[in-house]
Protein backbone atom coordinates (compact mmCIF):
# COMPACT_ATOMS: atom_id res chain seq x y z
CA MET A 1 -13.13 -12.88 -19.92
CA TYR A 2 -16.35 -12.10 -20.54
CA LYS A 3 -17.35 -9.92 -24.03
CA SER A 4 -20.92 -8.48 -24.65
CA PRO A 5 -22.47 -10.29 -27.87
CA ALA A 6 -22.17 -7.17 -29.80
CA THR A 7 -18.62 -7.38 -28.77
CA LEU A 8 -18.40 -10.54 -30.06
CA THR A 9 -20.52 -9.87 -33.32
CA PHE A 10 -18.37 -6.50 -34.80
CA LEU A 11 -14.74 -8.38 -33.73
CA LEU A 12 -16.23 -11.98 -36.01
CA SER A 13 -17.26 -9.11 -38.50
CA SER A 14 -13.70 -7.59 -38.20
CA LEU A 15 -11.49 -10.58 -38.79
CA PHE A 16 -14.13 -11.60 -41.65
CA THR A 17 -13.70 -8.34 -43.23
CA LEU A 18 -10.08 -8.65 -43.05
CA GLY A 19 -9.66 -12.33 -44.49
CA THR A 20 -11.26 -11.14 -47.68
CA PRO A 21 -8.70 -8.26 -49.99
CA SER A 22 -10.53 -5.90 -51.60
CA PRO A 23 -9.77 -5.22 -55.45
CA VAL A 24 -7.45 -2.28 -54.34
CA ASP A 25 -5.96 -3.89 -51.35
CA THR A 26 -2.19 -5.01 -51.94
CA ALA A 27 -0.61 -7.75 -49.85
CA ALA A 28 0.97 -5.25 -47.62
CA ASN A 29 -2.06 -3.53 -46.89
CA VAL A 30 -3.82 -6.47 -46.02
CA HIS A 31 -0.98 -7.81 -44.07
CA GLN A 32 -0.89 -4.22 -42.01
CA LYS A 33 -4.89 -4.21 -41.42
CA ARG A 34 -4.87 -7.62 -39.63
CA ALA A 35 -1.65 -6.35 -37.72
CA GLU A 36 -3.97 -3.21 -36.40
CA TYR A 37 -7.09 -5.39 -35.91
CA VAL A 38 -4.64 -7.82 -34.01
CA ARG A 39 -3.35 -5.26 -31.92
CA GLY A 40 -6.85 -3.91 -31.53
CA ILE A 41 -8.02 -7.57 -29.93
CA SER A 42 -5.25 -6.74 -27.75
CA SER A 43 -6.03 -3.37 -26.20
CA LEU A 44 -9.40 -5.15 -26.00
CA GLU A 45 -8.11 -7.64 -23.52
CA VAL A 46 -6.54 -5.27 -21.17
CA LYS A 47 -9.70 -3.51 -20.46
CA ARG A 48 -10.99 -6.42 -17.58
CA SER A 49 -8.21 -7.67 -16.87
CA GLU A 50 -8.56 -8.72 -13.07
CA ASN A 51 -6.99 -11.93 -11.98
CA GLY A 52 -8.10 -14.58 -9.28
CA PRO A 53 -7.77 -15.27 -7.01
CA VAL A 54 -4.14 -15.81 -7.63
CA ILE A 55 -3.54 -16.95 -3.70
CA THR A 56 -6.69 -18.96 -2.63
CA GLN A 57 -5.94 -17.97 1.44
CA ASN A 58 -6.50 -15.42 3.31
CA PHE A 59 -3.80 -13.51 2.11
CA PRO A 60 -5.51 -9.30 3.16
CA ASP A 61 -4.34 -6.14 2.32
CA PRO A 62 -1.42 -7.20 -0.17
CA SER A 63 1.32 -4.75 -1.45
CA ILE A 64 3.34 -5.79 -4.23
CA ILE A 65 7.41 -5.19 -5.50
CA LYS A 66 9.28 -6.24 -8.19
CA VAL A 67 12.59 -6.86 -7.78
CA GLY A 68 14.77 -7.89 -10.64
CA SER A 69 12.23 -10.77 -12.59
CA THR A 70 10.55 -11.28 -9.22
CA TRP A 71 7.80 -10.37 -7.74
CA TRP A 72 7.24 -10.01 -4.04
CA ALA A 73 3.73 -9.80 -2.27
CA PHE A 74 3.50 -9.31 1.28
CA ALA A 75 0.38 -9.57 3.60
CA THR A 76 -1.69 -8.63 6.76
CA GLU A 77 -0.89 -10.71 9.36
CA SER A 78 -3.52 -14.18 8.81
CA ALA A 79 -4.25 -15.47 12.98
CA GLY A 80 -2.95 -19.04 13.84
CA THR A 81 0.12 -19.39 10.87
CA GLY A 82 2.44 -17.84 13.06
CA ILE A 83 3.83 -15.83 10.42
CA ASN A 84 3.72 -11.85 11.46
CA ILE A 85 3.85 -11.10 7.86
CA PRO A 86 3.95 -13.35 5.26
CA MET A 87 5.05 -13.19 1.63
CA ALA A 88 4.43 -14.59 -1.62
CA SER A 89 6.82 -14.34 -4.94
CA SER A 90 5.89 -15.03 -8.63
CA THR A 91 7.94 -14.62 -11.79
CA ASP A 92 5.34 -13.74 -13.87
CA PHE A 93 2.81 -11.93 -11.64
CA LYS A 94 0.15 -14.78 -12.55
CA THR A 95 1.49 -17.73 -10.58
CA TRP A 96 1.93 -17.25 -6.99
CA THR A 97 3.64 -19.16 -4.51
CA VAL A 98 3.57 -18.35 -0.18
CA THR A 99 6.46 -19.10 1.08
CA SER A 100 7.30 -20.42 4.34
CA GLN A 101 9.35 -17.11 5.30
CA ASP A 102 8.33 -14.45 7.95
CA ALA A 103 9.12 -11.02 6.57
CA LEU A 104 9.04 -9.65 9.76
CA PRO A 105 10.15 -12.18 12.73
CA ASN A 106 10.83 -9.98 15.34
CA THR A 107 8.66 -6.97 16.15
CA PRO A 108 9.78 -4.03 18.37
CA PRO A 109 9.10 -3.26 21.85
CA TRP A 110 5.93 -1.17 21.69
CA VAL A 111 3.80 -3.55 19.47
CA ASN A 112 1.41 -5.38 21.92
CA MET A 113 2.48 -8.82 22.14
CA THR A 114 -1.03 -10.81 23.44
CA ALA A 115 -2.79 -9.36 20.01
CA GLN A 116 0.22 -8.00 17.38
CA ALA A 117 -2.69 -6.67 14.99
CA LEU A 118 0.45 -6.65 12.06
CA TRP A 119 -1.34 -5.18 9.07
CA ALA A 120 -0.87 -3.37 5.38
CA PRO A 121 2.86 -3.84 5.65
CA ASP A 122 4.47 -2.11 2.25
CA ALA A 123 7.88 -2.58 0.82
CA ASN A 124 9.86 -0.28 -0.57
CA GLN A 125 13.16 -0.43 -2.47
CA LEU A 126 15.37 2.16 -1.44
CA ASP A 127 18.19 4.57 -3.73
CA ASP A 128 21.03 2.69 -2.38
CA GLY A 129 19.41 -0.67 -3.06
CA THR A 130 18.19 -1.55 0.88
CA PHE A 131 14.40 -2.21 1.26
CA VAL A 132 12.29 -0.68 3.94
CA LEU A 133 8.71 -2.03 4.79
CA TYR A 134 6.27 0.08 6.48
CA PHE A 135 3.74 -1.55 8.63
CA SER A 136 0.86 -1.24 11.06
CA ALA A 137 0.34 -3.07 14.70
CA ALA A 138 -1.28 -2.62 17.79
CA VAL A 139 0.38 -0.89 20.70
CA ASN A 140 1.20 -2.24 24.27
CA ASN A 141 -1.10 0.17 26.37
CA ASN A 142 -3.98 0.21 23.60
CA SER A 143 -4.37 -2.96 21.68
CA ALA A 144 -7.45 -1.48 20.17
CA HIS A 145 -5.15 1.64 18.78
CA HIS A 146 -2.31 1.00 16.16
CA CYS A 147 0.95 2.88 14.82
CA VAL A 148 2.60 2.45 12.44
CA GLY A 149 6.74 1.47 11.93
CA ALA A 150 9.14 0.76 9.93
CA ALA A 151 11.77 -2.03 9.41
CA THR A 152 15.06 -2.44 7.20
CA SER A 153 16.73 -5.49 5.17
CA LYS A 154 18.98 -5.50 2.58
CA ASN A 155 17.19 -8.20 1.36
CA VAL A 156 13.56 -8.00 -0.07
CA ASN A 157 12.05 -10.81 0.94
CA GLY A 158 14.08 -9.90 4.51
CA PRO A 159 14.54 -10.41 7.29
CA TYR A 160 13.37 -7.08 8.55
CA VAL A 161 14.98 -5.64 11.34
CA PRO A 162 12.47 -3.08 13.56
CA GLN A 163 13.09 0.48 14.58
CA SER A 164 12.17 0.83 18.01
CA ASP A 165 9.70 3.15 18.21
CA PRO A 166 6.73 3.75 15.79
CA LEU A 167 6.88 6.05 12.55
CA PHE A 168 3.49 7.49 13.20
CA CYS A 169 1.11 6.91 16.74
CA PRO A 170 -1.54 9.51 17.23
CA ILE A 171 -3.56 8.03 19.31
CA GLN A 172 -5.35 10.52 20.51
CA GLN A 173 -6.92 10.90 16.60
CA GLY A 174 -7.43 7.09 16.95
CA GLY A 175 -3.69 5.58 15.91
CA ALA A 176 -2.66 5.03 12.16
CA ILE A 177 -3.02 2.20 10.39
CA ASP A 178 -1.85 0.96 6.39
CA PRO A 179 0.96 2.80 5.04
CA ALA A 180 2.93 2.98 2.01
CA GLY A 181 5.84 3.91 0.78
CA PHE A 182 5.70 6.59 -2.56
CA LYS A 183 8.85 8.42 -4.24
CA ASP A 184 7.93 10.99 -6.71
CA TRP A 185 9.96 10.60 -9.52
CA GLN A 186 11.41 13.45 -11.16
CA VAL A 187 13.47 11.49 -14.23
CA LYS A 188 11.13 8.17 -15.07
CA GLY A 189 14.81 6.76 -17.03
CA ASN A 190 14.37 5.01 -20.10
CA TRP A 191 11.05 3.52 -19.55
CA THR A 192 9.58 6.08 -22.05
CA ALA A 193 5.56 7.04 -22.48
CA VAL A 194 4.10 5.66 -25.70
CA ASN A 195 -0.13 6.72 -25.40
CA GLY A 196 0.09 7.71 -21.55
CA ASN A 197 1.67 3.61 -21.21
CA TRP A 198 4.68 2.78 -20.46
CA ASN A 199 7.58 1.24 -22.77
CA SER A 200 8.88 -2.27 -21.08
CA LYS A 201 10.42 -3.26 -24.97
CA ARG A 202 12.14 0.30 -24.49
CA ALA A 203 13.02 -0.96 -21.21
CA ALA A 204 14.33 -4.39 -22.59
CA LYS A 205 16.57 -2.59 -25.30
CA TYR A 206 18.53 -0.27 -22.68
CA SER A 207 19.17 -3.64 -20.38
CA ASN A 208 22.32 -3.70 -19.50
CA ASN A 209 22.40 0.37 -19.84
CA ASN A 210 23.02 2.26 -15.83
CA ASN A 211 20.22 4.36 -16.58
CA ASN A 212 18.18 1.29 -16.77
CA SER A 213 15.51 2.11 -13.68
CA TRP A 214 15.03 -1.95 -13.24
CA THR A 215 18.77 -2.58 -13.65
CA ASN A 216 19.83 0.58 -11.60
CA ALA A 217 18.91 1.14 -8.06
CA SER A 218 19.19 4.69 -8.23
CA TRP A 219 16.66 4.29 -10.02
CA SER A 220 14.10 2.65 -7.64
CA GLN A 221 10.60 3.13 -7.85
CA GLY A 222 10.43 3.99 -11.83
CA GLY A 223 12.74 7.04 -11.94
CA MET A 224 15.72 9.32 -10.81
CA GLY A 225 15.48 11.59 -7.84
CA GLY A 226 12.27 13.42 -6.31
CA GLN A 227 10.92 13.39 -2.64
CA ARG A 228 9.60 10.14 -0.78
CA TYR A 229 6.63 10.10 0.77
CA ILE A 230 4.72 7.59 3.21
CA THR A 231 0.75 7.92 3.31
CA TYR A 232 -0.91 6.47 5.83
CA LYS A 233 -4.54 6.63 7.23
CA VAL A 234 -5.41 8.19 10.83
CA ASP A 235 -7.29 5.44 12.29
CA GLY A 236 -10.23 7.84 13.42
CA ASN A 237 -13.29 4.89 13.14
CA SER A 238 -11.36 3.34 16.40
CA LEU A 239 -12.95 6.06 18.23
CA GLY A 240 -16.68 6.14 16.39
CA ASN A 241 -19.97 6.09 18.30
CA GLY A 242 -21.08 2.86 16.32
CA ASP A 243 -22.48 0.99 13.60
CA LEU A 244 -25.58 1.24 12.47
CA ALA A 245 -27.40 -1.58 11.77
CA GLY A 246 -26.23 -2.93 7.80
CA TYR A 247 -23.27 -1.13 7.74
CA GLY A 248 -20.55 -3.46 9.00
CA ASN A 249 -18.43 -3.70 12.20
CA CYS A 250 -15.94 -0.41 11.23
CA GLY A 251 -17.39 1.56 14.47
CA ASN A 252 -17.80 4.77 12.01
CA THR A 253 -21.65 5.02 10.80
CA VAL A 254 -22.98 6.70 14.40
CA SER A 255 -23.24 10.36 14.10
CA PRO A 256 -20.86 12.00 14.94
CA ILE A 257 -18.93 10.88 12.28
CA VAL A 258 -15.38 10.67 13.03
CA PRO A 259 -12.66 12.12 10.67
CA THR A 260 -10.70 9.37 9.28
CA PRO A 261 -7.91 11.58 6.84
CA ILE A 262 -5.31 9.53 4.63
CA VAL A 263 -2.75 11.93 5.15
CA LEU A 264 1.14 12.12 2.75
CA GLN A 265 4.45 12.68 4.73
CA ALA A 266 7.52 14.12 3.32
CA VAL A 267 10.52 11.35 4.13
CA ALA A 268 14.40 11.63 3.49
CA ALA A 269 15.89 9.40 1.42
CA ASP A 270 16.27 6.50 4.07
CA GLY A 271 12.23 6.63 4.18
CA VAL A 272 12.21 6.63 7.49
CA THR A 273 13.75 10.27 8.74
CA ILE A 274 10.55 12.67 8.96
CA GLN A 275 10.64 16.34 7.09
CA GLY A 276 8.21 18.91 7.54
CA SER A 277 4.33 18.52 8.87
CA ALA A 278 1.81 15.67 7.06
CA VAL A 279 -1.11 17.08 5.08
CA THR A 280 -4.07 15.78 4.46
CA ILE A 281 -5.42 14.41 1.25
CA LEU A 282 -8.11 12.69 1.20
CA ASN A 283 -10.98 12.17 4.17
CA ASN A 284 -14.13 10.10 4.26
CA ASN A 285 -17.68 11.80 3.33
CA GLY A 286 -19.63 10.66 6.07
CA LEU A 287 -22.40 7.95 5.66
CA SER A 288 -21.66 7.52 2.55
CA ASP A 289 -18.06 6.17 2.69
CA ASN A 290 -19.48 4.14 5.83
CA GLY A 291 -17.36 7.10 7.87
CA VAL A 292 -14.24 5.25 6.53
CA VAL A 293 -11.56 5.84 3.93
CA GLU A 294 -8.32 3.67 4.03
CA ALA A 295 -5.63 1.31 2.18
CA PRO A 296 -3.76 4.69 0.50
CA SER A 297 -1.12 3.69 -3.03
CA LEU A 298 -0.08 6.64 -4.50
CA VAL A 299 1.26 6.38 -7.91
CA LYS A 300 2.22 8.59 -11.01
CA SER A 301 1.00 7.92 -13.76
CA ALA A 302 3.76 8.36 -17.38
CA GLY A 303 1.65 11.33 -17.99
CA GLY A 304 2.58 12.92 -14.96
CA GLU A 305 -0.88 12.39 -13.49
CA TYR A 306 -0.69 11.94 -8.94
CA VAL A 307 -3.63 8.87 -8.88
CA LEU A 308 -4.45 7.94 -5.58
CA PHE A 309 -6.03 4.47 -4.75
CA PHE A 310 -7.98 3.96 -1.77
CA SER A 311 -11.16 1.91 -0.22
CA ASN A 312 -14.17 3.19 1.26
CA GLY A 313 -17.10 1.46 2.72
CA CYS A 314 -16.74 -1.13 5.72
CA TYR A 315 -14.35 -3.81 4.86
CA ASP A 316 -16.58 -6.29 5.90
CA THR A 317 -19.63 -4.98 4.03
CA ALA A 318 -20.61 -5.37 0.43
CA ASN A 319 -20.10 -1.32 0.26
CA TYR A 320 -16.16 -2.38 0.64
CA THR A 321 -14.45 -0.89 -2.76
CA VAL A 322 -10.81 -0.43 -4.75
CA ASN A 323 -11.42 3.32 -5.04
CA TYR A 324 -9.52 5.78 -6.64
CA ALA A 325 -9.05 9.76 -7.06
CA THR A 326 -6.64 12.37 -9.32
CA ALA A 327 -4.34 15.50 -8.94
CA SER A 328 -2.33 17.04 -10.58
CA SER A 329 0.21 17.97 -7.64
CA VAL A 330 1.30 15.62 -4.91
CA SER A 331 -0.73 17.23 -2.29
CA GLY A 332 -3.87 17.51 -4.22
CA PRO A 333 -6.67 18.41 -4.25
CA TYR A 334 -7.79 15.52 -5.14
CA THR A 335 -10.63 14.40 -6.34
CA ARG A 336 -12.49 11.12 -6.53
CA ASN A 337 -12.96 9.39 -9.97
CA GLY A 338 -13.78 5.94 -8.61
CA PRO A 339 -14.09 3.80 -7.73
CA LEU A 340 -12.36 0.99 -10.19
CA PHE A 341 -13.85 -2.25 -8.61
CA GLN A 342 -16.95 -3.00 -6.42
CA THR A 343 -19.20 -5.75 -5.17
CA GLY A 344 -20.44 -7.20 -8.50
CA THR A 345 -17.14 -6.34 -10.78
CA ASP A 346 -17.13 -9.53 -12.33
CA GLY A 347 -18.46 -11.26 -9.78
CA LEU A 348 -15.87 -9.66 -6.89
CA TYR A 349 -17.24 -9.09 -3.63
CA ALA A 350 -16.22 -6.39 -1.60
CA PRO A 351 -12.46 -5.64 -3.39
CA GLY A 352 -10.05 -3.56 -1.56
CA GLY A 353 -6.66 -3.45 -0.03
CA ALA A 354 -5.52 -2.62 -2.86
CA ASP A 355 -1.27 -1.97 -4.22
CA VAL A 356 0.13 -0.69 -7.30
CA LEU A 357 3.47 -1.05 -8.14
CA TRP A 358 5.37 2.00 -9.18
CA ASP A 359 4.63 1.38 -13.21
CA ALA A 360 0.84 2.39 -12.77
CA GLN A 361 -0.10 -0.84 -14.40
CA HIS A 362 0.61 -3.60 -12.14
CA MET A 363 -2.21 -3.47 -9.33
CA VAL A 364 -2.84 -6.26 -6.42
CA PHE A 365 -6.21 -6.93 -4.14
CA HIS A 366 -8.16 -8.56 -1.87
CA ALA A 367 -11.96 -10.01 -2.42
CA ASP A 368 -14.49 -12.01 0.20
CA TYR A 369 -13.90 -15.65 -1.35
CA PRO A 370 -15.48 -18.11 -1.99
CA ASP A 371 -18.18 -16.32 0.86
CA HIS A 372 -19.24 -13.35 1.24
CA ASN A 373 -17.63 -12.63 4.11
CA ALA A 374 -14.34 -11.34 5.76
CA THR A 375 -12.91 -14.33 7.12
CA ASN A 376 -11.24 -15.21 3.98
CA ARG A 377 -9.63 -12.31 1.09
CA PRO A 378 -7.24 -13.71 -1.21
CA MET A 379 -5.12 -11.67 -3.39
CA TYR A 380 -6.47 -10.94 -6.48
CA THR A 381 -4.33 -9.18 -9.50
CA ALA A 382 -4.92 -6.54 -12.01
CA ILE A 383 -3.50 -4.66 -15.18
CA ILE A 384 -4.22 -1.03 -15.30
CA ASN A 385 -4.82 2.13 -17.52
CA ILE A 386 -4.54 5.19 -16.19
CA GLN A 387 -5.43 8.11 -19.11
CA GLY A 388 -5.18 11.69 -17.75
CA ASN A 389 -7.54 11.40 -14.74
CA THR A 390 -9.45 8.08 -15.83
CA VAL A 391 -8.33 4.32 -14.72
CA THR A 392 -9.75 1.35 -16.32
CA ALA A 393 -8.78 -2.16 -15.97
């Protein structure tokens, strides 16, 4: 982990200063100062905490969920593997193993079987302890466009059984991709906020308490009660007017640039029954976004701030980012405050497709590696910190 020379000089000088008690220092005072110093080092260590690639093979558009003591990641289909939706697992968020299982071994009848193009799956645990997996796939009658579907399972690693009809299929607007679930919890449970962060030690203390959000399924995604939503992208750039030189192959940098709204749709407790109308919460800003915003992941911070992570730019260019916008209301308006990661950040190239756990701390994303092209996009992890409308990593 890189530290600037000035930072290292400060830390070293602090260490030597703390190592030599002043005439008025008691043993207890020195011990306290050294403890504060160590905590300061720890806080510095997490300020730049992306790690990876933790999965070196192609694992684009990853999403994460934690069930019990195990982390699970799901990714976009990789051509030639014979697996529709690949999965990986980890017990420490550091070492990951790609499984041989297929989360979605059978696809619904609306999916184009010649070119399924299963993209950006997202698994969510419901209040009854079961799971719903959102995904997008190319449609039968028009492989250039996608729709969003859902599948359910009693187990986090499936197999998931798909619903026969898509959830969202706005073909006239370009289709729909990149679905992600979100629960706008009302009560946080025993994961109390300490300085704006979740206090895992307090959760461990109450590990046998039914109110604990990790052990009680009714506290899924970090809290009890609250409205469930799905965010997704209306894939307007699939109707775009082409690409200017140097802007990649996303099809939407020639005027007039087509909208690519990220929308928020309320759903019932089952995660699939639509409630009310969708609300647009973000859109592309034209050529400055390469005509694209996509890959939404919505979380609620310990302080109650709504943070929408998304990618802008074309995925196969250096312009792709992990960006974010914040709001005080789930429906917005959202104000951009990022990016968090972009090309050049600690050697990353075209980072994007991020997902964040409900705790608003654990993130996964992909980036191009080892070459600067989108043929191999392995998974990276990061520990993030949200303070008000600012996200750091």
